[in-house]
Amino acid sequence: MDVDSSPGTGERSGANGTADAAPERLPLPLKAGETTPERPWPVRHLAPKVADYVARMPAVWVEGQVLNLRRWNSLLFLTLRDTDLDMSLSVTLPAVAAMSLGERFHDGAHVVVHAKPQFQPKKGSLGFSADRVRLVGLGELLARIEHLKGVLAAEGLFDASRKRPLPFLPGVIGLVCAQQGDAEHDVVSNARARWPAVQFEVRRVTVQGPSAVPEVTAAIAELDADPRVDVVVVARGGGSFEDLLPFSNETLVRAAAACRTPLVSAIGHHMDSPLLDLVADLRASTPTDAAKRVVPDVTEERARLVQARTRAHAALQHRLAREEHHLAQLRSRPVLAQPWTLVDPHEVRLHRAVDRGRGILDGALGRAAGEVGRLAAQVRALSPAATLERGYAVVQRADGHVVRSPDDVAAGDALRVRLADGEVAATVDR
C-alpha cells in the first residue's frame, strides 16, 4: 500500500517541553514500499491508513445465509456465511432496516445485504456496515436449483447407469440424521424390527441452516471411508422448502455423487424433490420407508423361504410322478415288453445274406480254381522245363549265353549243359 506519510519530528519532548537525552530518530518512510526492518511503520501509523483505504471502497451487495443473529439496542449483529464454502463476514445492520421482514429474518435465512466495508483501527478487524437487506425469493431459489439441476444432469450425475444396487443384507448401516428428531428412531427401530442383527454407525449433524452442508458432507465422507459400512442413509423428517435447501446445495450433492458406498436419500418430503434424491442410488419417501428398503424383513423372508421350499417340493413330486407314469407307459409298449421282436427280422435277413454270400463265394472260388488249373497247364506246356523233360538240353557258355550254333564256341571253351534234373559241365574238343 503506497500512501504518503508525514515525516516524524526527529526528537522527543520531555514533560517540560524540552528535548530529553534520547537519540534523534529518523523520519518515517513516506510510502509502504519504502519501509525496512530498520525504518518500520508503527501500528498507530498503519491502522489509520488501512481504515482510510477501506473507507474509500464502495458499498456492495453481498449474498449469503444469516448466522448468529442477535440484537443490541437498535443494531443487529450477524454473520453472513457462504452456502458452499466455509467463509463468513461480520455484518452490522440497523434493526429498522430489517423490520419489514419480520419473523422471516432469522438464522438460516437466505439474504442479500447492501453493505460497506469498515476497518476498526483499535481492534484491527474488518467488518461490514449494512443499510439494506432483502430476502432471496422462493422463485429465485427455485430458478437457481433448476439451473444447477440442468448442469448436474448434463454431467451425468443423475444417470441410471450410475445407480448402484443396495446389498441384500447390509451388516452395518451408516446413518446421517439430525441431532434431535424422529428420523433416527424411525430408521433404527424399523430396521431392527425387520432384522434384529443389523448394526448402525450414526452421525448426528445439523440438517438445516448454514451448518448443514459442511456437517452432512463431512458425515457422508466419514461413513464412506469406513470399510464396515455397506450402505449410507441420509435421513430427515421433512420440512419447509427453505429447510430443505441444504440438500440441493451443489457441494453436498457432489459429495453424495462421489460417495463410493451405495447411498439412500430419505429426506421425507413428498412435494419437493431435493437434488440429493436425484443423485442418490435410491430415494426413499420417508425414513421409515428407507429402513424397509434397506433391510429385508426376517419374518417375510422366512415365509418366502418356507413357501419356496413348499413349491419346490411340490414341483419335484409332480415331476417324479409324471416321469414315473411316462416310464410305465414306455415299459407297457410291445417294443419294450418283447424287445427281441425288433431283432428277429434282422436276424433272418442276416442269415439269408450270409447263406447267399457263402454260395456266391463258393462259386467264385470254384471258377477261380478251374481257371488257375488251366493256366498252370498252359504254363507247364510252354515252359522250357517240359522240353527238357522230353530229353532236350540247353547248352550255355561260361558267360551264360545260350549256344545256338557251332560257331558260337571254340575248341577248349567250357560249357554248361542244363538238363531236366540238373546240369553238367563240358569242354569243347573240336
Protein backbone atom coordinates (compact mmCIF):
# COMPACT_ATOMS: atom_id res chain seq x y z
CA MET A 1 0.00 0.00 0.00
CA ASP A 2 1.70 3.14 -1.23
CA VAL A 3 0.37 6.02 0.82
CA ASP A 4 2.09 9.21 1.91
CA SER A 5 3.37 9.59 5.42
CA SER A 6 4.10 12.80 7.29
CA PRO A 7 7.69 12.82 8.47
CA GLY A 8 8.48 12.36 12.13
CA THR A 9 9.62 15.17 14.33
CA GLY A 10 13.06 13.69 14.70
CA GLU A 11 13.13 14.22 18.54
CA ARG A 12 11.01 13.52 21.61
CA SER A 13 9.94 16.20 24.12
CA GLY A 14 10.04 15.66 27.86
CA ALA A 15 7.39 16.51 30.34
CA ASN A 16 8.51 20.14 30.49
CA GLY A 17 8.51 20.52 26.71
CA THR A 18 12.33 20.43 26.43
CA ALA A 19 14.23 17.88 24.45
CA ASP A 20 15.40 14.90 26.52
CA ALA A 21 18.58 12.99 26.12
CA ALA A 22 17.11 10.30 23.75
CA PRO A 23 18.90 9.96 20.42
CA GLU A 24 17.34 11.65 17.44
CA ARG A 25 15.10 9.29 15.35
CA LEU A 26 14.98 9.21 11.56
CA PRO A 27 11.78 10.39 9.80
CA LEU A 28 9.20 7.71 8.90
CA PRO A 29 9.11 6.43 5.28
CA LEU A 30 6.60 8.18 3.08
CA LYS A 31 5.32 5.00 1.36
CA ALA A 32 4.73 1.43 2.44
CA GLY A 33 7.21 0.15 -0.13
CA GLU A 34 9.97 2.23 1.48
CA THR A 35 9.67 0.60 4.90
CA THR A 36 12.54 -1.55 6.09
CA PRO A 37 13.31 -3.54 9.25
CA GLU A 38 15.31 -0.55 10.41
CA ARG A 39 12.63 2.00 9.44
CA PRO A 40 9.20 0.36 10.03
CA TRP A 41 5.81 1.97 10.46
CA PRO A 42 4.33 1.75 13.94
CA VAL A 43 0.88 0.25 14.34
CA ARG A 44 -0.61 3.63 15.25
CA HIS A 45 0.65 4.90 11.89
CA LEU A 46 -0.55 1.97 9.72
CA ALA A 47 -4.01 1.38 11.23
CA PRO A 48 -5.50 4.77 10.23
CA LYS A 49 -4.15 4.40 6.73
CA VAL A 50 -5.79 0.97 6.37
CA ALA A 51 -9.05 2.39 7.70
CA ASP A 52 -8.82 5.29 5.25
CA TYR A 53 -8.07 2.91 2.36
CA VAL A 54 -11.04 0.66 3.24
CA ALA A 55 -13.31 3.66 3.69
CA ARG A 56 -12.75 4.60 0.04
CA MET A 57 -14.13 1.22 -1.10
CA PRO A 58 -17.72 1.40 -2.44
CA ALA A 59 -20.69 -0.40 -0.92
CA VAL A 60 -21.50 -3.83 -2.39
CA TRP A 61 -24.45 -6.21 -2.48
CA VAL A 62 -23.47 -9.48 -0.77
CA GLU A 63 -25.42 -12.75 -0.72
CA GLY A 64 -25.28 -15.41 1.99
CA GLN A 65 -27.03 -17.13 4.87
CA VAL A 66 -27.73 -15.45 8.20
CA LEU A 67 -25.90 -16.95 11.16
CA ASN A 68 -25.62 -15.95 14.84
CA LEU A 69 -28.23 -13.20 14.56
CA ARG A 70 -28.50 -11.06 17.73
CA ARG A 71 -29.77 -7.63 18.64
CA TRP A 72 -28.21 -4.99 20.81
CA ASN A 73 -30.17 -1.78 21.24
CA SER A 74 -31.05 -0.56 17.76
CA LEU A 75 -28.46 -2.65 15.92
CA LEU A 76 -28.48 -6.19 14.58
CA PHE A 77 -25.26 -8.16 14.58
CA LEU A 78 -25.00 -11.20 12.32
CA THR A 79 -22.59 -13.38 10.41
CA LEU A 80 -23.16 -13.69 6.67
CA ARG A 81 -21.97 -17.13 5.62
CA ASP A 82 -21.31 -18.52 2.17
CA THR A 83 -23.56 -21.52 1.40
CA ASP A 84 -20.85 -23.50 -0.39
CA LEU A 85 -17.56 -22.64 1.30
CA ASP A 86 -16.72 -22.19 4.95
CA MET A 87 -16.31 -18.42 4.67
CA SER A 88 -18.18 -15.71 6.52
CA LEU A 89 -18.31 -11.95 7.13
CA SER A 90 -19.37 -9.95 10.17
CA VAL A 91 -22.19 -7.54 9.37
CA THR A 92 -23.84 -4.77 11.41
CA LEU A 93 -27.36 -3.76 10.37
CA PRO A 94 -29.80 -1.22 11.80
CA ALA A 95 -32.78 -3.03 13.24
CA VAL A 96 -35.16 -0.75 11.39
CA ALA A 97 -33.74 -1.95 8.03
CA ALA A 98 -34.97 -5.50 8.73
CA MET A 99 -38.24 -4.54 10.38
CA SER A 100 -40.28 -5.19 7.21
CA LEU A 101 -39.00 -8.76 7.04
CA GLY A 102 -40.41 -9.67 10.43
CA GLU A 103 -40.06 -13.29 11.50
CA ARG A 104 -38.70 -14.29 8.12
CA PHE A 105 -35.36 -12.72 9.05
CA HIS A 106 -33.78 -15.43 11.21
CA ASP A 107 -30.81 -17.75 11.38
CA GLY A 108 -30.57 -19.72 8.16
CA ALA A 109 -32.44 -17.15 6.07
CA HIS A 110 -31.01 -16.60 2.59
CA VAL A 111 -30.50 -12.82 2.13
CA VAL A 112 -28.63 -10.17 0.20
CA VAL A 113 -27.40 -7.09 2.05
CA HIS A 114 -26.09 -3.75 0.85
CA ALA A 115 -23.01 -3.19 2.98
CA LYS A 116 -19.89 -1.07 3.08
CA PRO A 117 -16.61 -2.41 4.50
CA GLN A 118 -15.26 -0.82 7.66
CA PHE A 119 -11.91 -1.29 9.35
CA GLN A 120 -11.68 -0.77 13.10
CA PRO A 121 -8.16 0.50 13.85
CA LYS A 122 -8.23 -0.29 17.55
CA LYS A 123 -9.24 -3.94 17.04
CA GLY A 124 -7.57 -4.40 13.67
CA SER A 125 -10.71 -6.17 12.38
CA LEU A 126 -12.67 -5.81 9.16
CA GLY A 127 -16.45 -5.69 9.26
CA PHE A 128 -19.34 -4.56 7.10
CA SER A 129 -21.94 -1.98 7.90
CA ALA A 130 -25.20 -2.66 6.05
CA ASP A 131 -28.08 -0.32 5.42
CA ARG A 132 -30.42 -2.53 3.40
CA VAL A 133 -31.35 -6.21 3.43
CA ARG A 134 -33.57 -8.35 1.22
CA LEU A 135 -34.68 -11.96 1.38
CA VAL A 136 -33.89 -14.09 -1.64
CA GLY A 137 -37.30 -15.04 -3.04
CA LEU A 138 -38.51 -18.61 -3.44
CA GLY A 139 -38.87 -18.10 -7.16
CA GLU A 140 -35.25 -17.12 -7.49
CA LEU A 141 -34.13 -20.03 -5.33
CA LEU A 142 -36.17 -22.43 -7.44
CA ALA A 143 -34.65 -20.98 -10.60
CA ARG A 144 -31.16 -21.47 -9.20
CA ILE A 145 -31.94 -25.05 -8.21
CA GLU A 146 -33.33 -25.77 -11.67
CA HIS A 147 -30.22 -24.30 -13.27
CA LEU A 148 -27.98 -26.42 -11.03
CA LYS A 149 -30.15 -29.43 -11.79
CA GLY A 150 -29.57 -28.91 -15.51
CA VAL A 151 -25.80 -28.55 -15.02
CA LEU A 152 -25.54 -31.72 -12.92
CA ALA A 153 -27.78 -33.65 -15.32
CA ALA A 154 -25.55 -32.63 -18.22
CA GLU A 155 -22.58 -34.03 -16.31
CA GLY A 156 -24.40 -37.36 -15.97
CA LEU A 157 -24.72 -37.34 -12.18
CA PHE A 158 -28.39 -38.35 -12.40
CA ASP A 159 -27.94 -41.16 -14.95
CA ALA A 160 -29.48 -44.52 -14.10
CA SER A 161 -26.23 -46.23 -15.11
CA ARG A 162 -24.53 -44.65 -12.07
CA LYS A 163 -27.04 -46.12 -9.63
CA ARG A 164 -25.52 -48.92 -7.58
CA PRO A 165 -27.69 -51.76 -6.21
CA LEU A 166 -28.10 -51.97 -2.46
CA PRO A 167 -26.73 -55.03 -0.66
CA PHE A 168 -29.38 -57.63 0.13
CA LEU A 169 -28.44 -57.79 3.79
CA PRO A 170 -26.13 -54.99 5.00
CA GLY A 171 -24.09 -55.76 8.08
CA VAL A 172 -23.54 -52.11 9.08
CA ILE A 173 -25.71 -49.15 8.00
CA GLY A 174 -24.28 -45.63 8.10
CA LEU A 175 -26.97 -43.17 9.21
CA VAL A 176 -26.71 -39.38 8.83
CA CYS A 177 -29.54 -37.71 10.75
CA ALA A 178 -30.45 -34.77 12.93
CA GLN A 179 -29.09 -34.39 16.43
CA GLN A 180 -32.63 -34.33 17.74
CA GLY A 181 -35.54 -35.73 15.79
CA ASP A 182 -37.59 -38.78 14.91
CA ALA A 183 -35.66 -39.75 11.78
CA GLU A 184 -33.05 -41.75 13.71
CA HIS A 185 -35.71 -43.55 15.75
CA ASP A 186 -37.77 -44.34 12.65
CA VAL A 187 -34.82 -45.82 10.75
CA VAL A 188 -33.23 -47.74 13.62
CA SER A 189 -36.41 -49.13 15.19
CA ASN A 190 -37.96 -50.24 11.90
CA ALA A 191 -34.71 -51.73 10.61
CA ARG A 192 -34.09 -53.73 13.79
CA ALA A 193 -37.72 -54.85 13.89
CA ARG A 194 -37.20 -56.33 10.44
CA TRP A 195 -33.69 -57.71 11.04
CA PRO A 196 -32.51 -57.59 14.68
CA ALA A 197 -28.86 -58.31 13.87
CA VAL A 198 -28.32 -55.16 11.81
CA GLN A 199 -25.84 -52.61 13.21
CA PHE A 200 -25.66 -48.83 12.79
CA GLU A 201 -22.97 -46.18 12.56
CA VAL A 202 -24.85 -42.96 13.39
CA ARG A 203 -23.58 -39.47 12.63
CA ARG A 204 -25.78 -36.81 14.23
CA VAL A 205 -25.43 -33.49 12.40
CA THR A 206 -27.29 -30.26 11.73
CA VAL A 207 -29.76 -30.87 8.89
CA GLN A 208 -30.86 -27.28 8.26
CA GLY A 209 -29.34 -23.85 8.34
CA PRO A 210 -25.87 -22.70 7.35
CA SER A 211 -24.07 -25.52 9.19
CA ALA A 212 -25.99 -28.31 7.46
CA VAL A 213 -23.94 -28.52 4.25
CA PRO A 214 -20.46 -28.90 5.80
CA GLU A 215 -21.64 -31.23 8.56
CA VAL A 216 -23.67 -33.54 6.29
CA THR A 217 -20.88 -33.55 3.68
CA ALA A 218 -18.28 -34.46 6.31
CA ALA A 219 -20.52 -37.20 7.74
CA ILE A 220 -21.04 -38.79 4.29
CA ALA A 221 -17.28 -38.73 3.62
CA GLU A 222 -16.52 -40.25 7.02
CA LEU A 223 -19.01 -43.10 6.61
CA ASP A 224 -17.88 -43.72 3.04
CA ALA A 225 -14.31 -44.14 4.27
CA ASP A 226 -15.39 -46.76 6.85
CA PRO A 227 -14.94 -50.22 5.23
CA ARG A 228 -17.53 -51.75 7.60
CA VAL A 229 -20.36 -49.58 6.28
CA ASP A 230 -22.31 -51.30 3.48
CA VAL A 231 -24.87 -48.54 2.80
CA VAL A 232 -25.28 -44.88 3.82
CA VAL A 233 -28.71 -43.39 4.64
CA VAL A 234 -29.20 -39.62 4.81
CA ALA A 235 -32.46 -39.12 6.73
CA ARG A 236 -34.55 -36.12 7.72
CA GLY A 237 -38.16 -35.86 8.76
CA GLY A 238 -39.34 -33.46 6.05
CA GLY A 239 -39.57 -29.70 6.43
CA SER A 240 -40.31 -26.50 4.55
CA PHE A 241 -38.71 -25.60 1.24
CA GLU A 242 -36.21 -23.32 2.95
CA ASP A 243 -35.31 -26.02 5.47
CA LEU A 244 -34.53 -28.46 2.65
CA LEU A 245 -32.29 -26.06 0.69
CA PRO A 246 -29.05 -27.62 2.03
CA PHE A 247 -29.98 -30.91 0.34
CA SER A 248 -29.98 -29.13 -3.03
CA ASN A 249 -26.62 -27.49 -2.37
CA GLU A 250 -24.04 -28.20 -5.07
CA THR A 251 -21.27 -29.08 -2.61
CA LEU A 252 -23.43 -31.62 -0.77
CA VAL A 253 -24.84 -33.10 -3.98
CA ARG A 254 -21.39 -33.58 -5.48
CA ALA A 255 -20.17 -35.15 -2.25
CA ALA A 256 -23.06 -37.62 -2.43
CA ALA A 257 -22.24 -38.37 -6.08
CA ALA A 258 -18.61 -39.06 -5.15
CA CYS A 259 -19.65 -41.48 -2.39
CA ARG A 260 -18.47 -44.99 -3.34
CA THR A 261 -20.82 -46.67 -0.87
CA PRO A 262 -24.47 -47.04 -2.02
CA LEU A 263 -26.37 -44.01 -0.70
CA VAL A 264 -30.07 -43.71 0.16
CA SER A 265 -31.81 -40.33 0.36
CA ALA A 266 -34.65 -40.29 2.90
CA ILE A 267 -35.44 -36.59 3.26
CA GLY A 268 -39.11 -37.33 3.90
CA HIS A 269 -40.66 -34.67 1.68
CA HIS A 270 -43.19 -35.64 -0.97
CA MET A 271 -43.97 -32.31 -2.63
CA ASP A 272 -40.44 -31.10 -3.37
CA SER A 273 -37.59 -33.28 -4.58
CA PRO A 274 -34.18 -32.09 -3.38
CA LEU A 275 -31.31 -32.71 -5.76
CA LEU A 276 -29.92 -35.24 -3.29
CA ASP A 277 -32.86 -37.52 -4.23
CA LEU A 278 -31.77 -37.46 -7.88
CA VAL A 279 -28.09 -38.23 -7.29
CA ALA A 280 -28.67 -40.90 -4.62
CA ASP A 281 -28.65 -44.57 -5.58
CA LEU A 282 -32.11 -44.95 -4.04
CA ARG A 283 -34.76 -42.43 -2.99
CA ALA A 284 -36.97 -43.34 -0.02
CA SER A 285 -40.11 -41.34 0.64
CA THR A 286 -39.60 -41.31 4.43
CA PRO A 287 -37.03 -42.55 6.96
CA THR A 288 -39.37 -45.46 7.73
CA ASP A 289 -39.52 -46.33 4.05
CA ALA A 290 -35.71 -46.20 3.92
CA ALA A 291 -35.49 -48.79 6.71
CA LYS A 292 -37.88 -51.06 4.82
CA ARG A 293 -36.00 -50.63 1.53
CA VAL A 294 -32.54 -51.18 3.01
CA VAL A 295 -33.15 -54.11 5.37
CA PRO A 296 -35.21 -57.21 4.48
CA ASP A 297 -37.95 -58.42 6.84
CA VAL A 298 -36.76 -61.59 8.57
CA THR A 299 -40.34 -62.82 9.08
CA GLU A 300 -41.22 -62.16 5.47
CA GLU A 301 -38.00 -63.80 4.27
CA ARG A 302 -38.69 -66.88 6.36
CA ALA A 303 -42.22 -67.06 4.98
CA ARG A 304 -40.84 -66.74 1.46
CA LEU A 305 -38.29 -69.46 2.20
CA VAL A 306 -40.96 -71.82 3.51
CA GLN A 307 -43.16 -71.03 0.53
CA ALA A 308 -40.28 -71.60 -1.88
CA ARG A 309 -39.43 -74.93 -0.24
CA THR A 310 -43.08 -75.99 -0.41
CA ARG A 311 -43.32 -75.07 -4.08
CA ALA A 312 -40.02 -76.82 -4.84
CA HIS A 313 -41.15 -79.99 -3.02
CA ALA A 314 -44.50 -79.99 -4.83
CA ALA A 315 -42.82 -79.40 -8.17
CA LEU A 316 -40.36 -82.24 -7.55
CA GLN A 317 -43.11 -84.64 -6.51
CA HIS A 318 -45.15 -83.71 -9.57
CA ARG A 319 -42.12 -84.16 -11.82
CA LEU A 320 -41.30 -87.56 -10.33
CA ALA A 321 -44.91 -88.73 -10.66
CA ARG A 322 -45.06 -87.57 -14.26
CA GLU A 323 -41.78 -89.26 -15.17
CA GLU A 324 -42.83 -92.46 -13.40
CA HIS A 325 -46.10 -92.52 -15.36
CA HIS A 326 -44.25 -91.85 -18.58
CA LEU A 327 -41.80 -94.67 -17.83
CA ALA A 328 -44.66 -97.07 -17.11
CA GLN A 329 -46.23 -96.20 -20.45
CA LEU A 330 -42.97 -96.85 -22.23
CA ARG A 331 -42.47 -100.21 -20.49
CA SER A 332 -46.00 -101.31 -21.38
CA ARG A 333 -45.40 -100.93 -25.13
CA PRO A 334 -44.77 -104.19 -27.09
CA VAL A 335 -41.41 -102.99 -28.29
CA LEU A 336 -40.18 -102.81 -24.69
CA ALA A 337 -42.25 -105.75 -23.34
CA GLN A 338 -40.68 -108.09 -26.01
CA PRO A 339 -37.69 -106.17 -27.32
CA TRP A 340 -36.36 -109.17 -29.30
CA THR A 341 -39.22 -108.74 -31.77
CA LEU A 342 -37.20 -105.88 -33.18
CA VAL A 343 -34.17 -108.15 -33.68
CA ASP A 344 -35.86 -111.24 -35.19
CA PRO A 345 -36.50 -109.81 -38.72
CA HIS A 346 -32.97 -108.51 -38.90
CA GLU A 347 -31.60 -111.88 -37.75
CA VAL A 348 -33.49 -113.67 -40.55
CA ARG A 349 -32.26 -111.22 -43.14
CA LEU A 350 -28.72 -111.62 -41.78
CA HIS A 351 -28.82 -115.44 -42.10
CA ARG A 352 -30.15 -115.16 -45.64
CA ALA A 353 -27.44 -112.69 -46.53
CA VAL A 354 -24.76 -115.00 -45.01
CA ASP A 355 -26.05 -118.05 -46.95
CA ARG A 356 -26.24 -116.07 -50.17
CA GLY A 357 -22.74 -114.72 -49.59
CA ARG A 358 -21.36 -118.20 -48.98
CA GLY A 359 -22.94 -119.54 -52.16
CA ILE A 360 -21.55 -116.68 -54.20
CA LEU A 361 -18.13 -117.11 -52.62
CA ASP A 362 -18.07 -120.89 -53.27
CA GLY A 363 -18.99 -120.40 -56.92
CA ALA A 364 -16.38 -117.71 -57.33
CA LEU A 365 -13.73 -119.91 -55.71
CA GLY A 366 -14.64 -122.92 -57.93
CA ARG A 367 -14.42 -120.86 -61.07
CA ALA A 368 -11.16 -119.35 -59.94
CA ALA A 369 -9.70 -122.82 -59.16
CA GLY A 370 -10.57 -124.11 -62.65
CA GLU A 371 -9.03 -121.06 -64.24
CA VAL A 372 -5.87 -121.47 -62.16
CA GLY A 373 -5.59 -125.16 -63.24
CA ARG A 374 -6.00 -124.24 -66.89
CA LEU A 375 -3.39 -121.50 -66.65
CA ALA A 376 -1.00 -123.86 -64.82
CA ALA A 377 -1.31 -126.46 -67.54
CA GLN A 378 -0.71 -123.83 -70.17
CA VAL A 379 2.35 -122.59 -68.31
CA ARG A 380 3.70 -126.11 -67.97
CA ALA A 381 3.20 -126.74 -71.66
CA LEU A 382 5.02 -123.59 -72.62
CA SER A 383 7.79 -123.97 -70.02
CA PRO A 384 11.34 -124.95 -71.18
CA ALA A 385 11.38 -127.45 -68.36
CA ALA A 386 8.77 -129.51 -70.20
CA THR A 387 11.04 -129.64 -73.25
CA LEU A 388 13.96 -130.70 -71.10
CA GLU A 389 11.86 -133.47 -69.63
CA ARG A 390 11.46 -134.88 -73.11
CA GLY A 391 15.30 -135.34 -73.39
CA TYR A 392 16.39 -131.99 -74.65
CA ALA A 393 19.24 -129.95 -73.12
CA VAL A 394 20.29 -126.27 -73.07
CA VAL A 395 23.97 -125.54 -73.73
CA GLN A 396 25.40 -122.28 -72.33
CA ARG A 397 28.78 -120.74 -72.40
CA ALA A 398 30.58 -119.74 -69.25
CA ASP A 399 29.24 -116.20 -69.62
CA GLY A 400 25.66 -117.52 -69.69
CA HIS A 401 24.90 -117.06 -73.41
CA VAL A 402 22.97 -119.91 -74.98
CA VAL A 403 24.87 -121.79 -77.70
CA ARG A 404 22.71 -121.93 -80.78
CA SER A 405 25.39 -122.64 -83.40
CA PRO A 406 28.78 -124.36 -83.50
CA ASP A 407 30.16 -121.04 -84.48
CA ASP A 408 29.26 -119.67 -81.04
CA VAL A 409 32.07 -121.72 -79.41
CA ALA A 410 35.67 -122.64 -79.99
CA ALA A 411 37.86 -125.57 -79.04
CA GLY A 412 38.69 -125.56 -75.34
CA ASP A 413 35.65 -123.43 -74.28
CA ALA A 414 33.93 -124.51 -71.11
CA LEU A 415 30.24 -125.18 -71.41
CA ARG A 416 27.25 -125.73 -69.11
CA VAL A 417 24.72 -128.29 -70.16
CA ARG A 418 21.37 -127.88 -68.47
CA LEU A 419 19.20 -130.99 -68.23
CA ALA A 420 15.77 -131.61 -66.79
CA ASP A 421 17.16 -132.86 -63.45
CA GLY A 422 20.27 -130.67 -63.26
CA GLU A 423 23.27 -129.59 -65.27
CA VAL A 424 26.72 -130.91 -66.23
CA ALA A 425 29.99 -129.29 -67.25
CA ALA A 426 31.58 -129.91 -70.62
CA THR A 427 34.54 -128.79 -72.69
CA VAL A 428 34.62 -128.32 -76.49
CA ASP A 429 37.15 -130.68 -78.05
CA ARG A 430 36.52 -129.77 -81.65
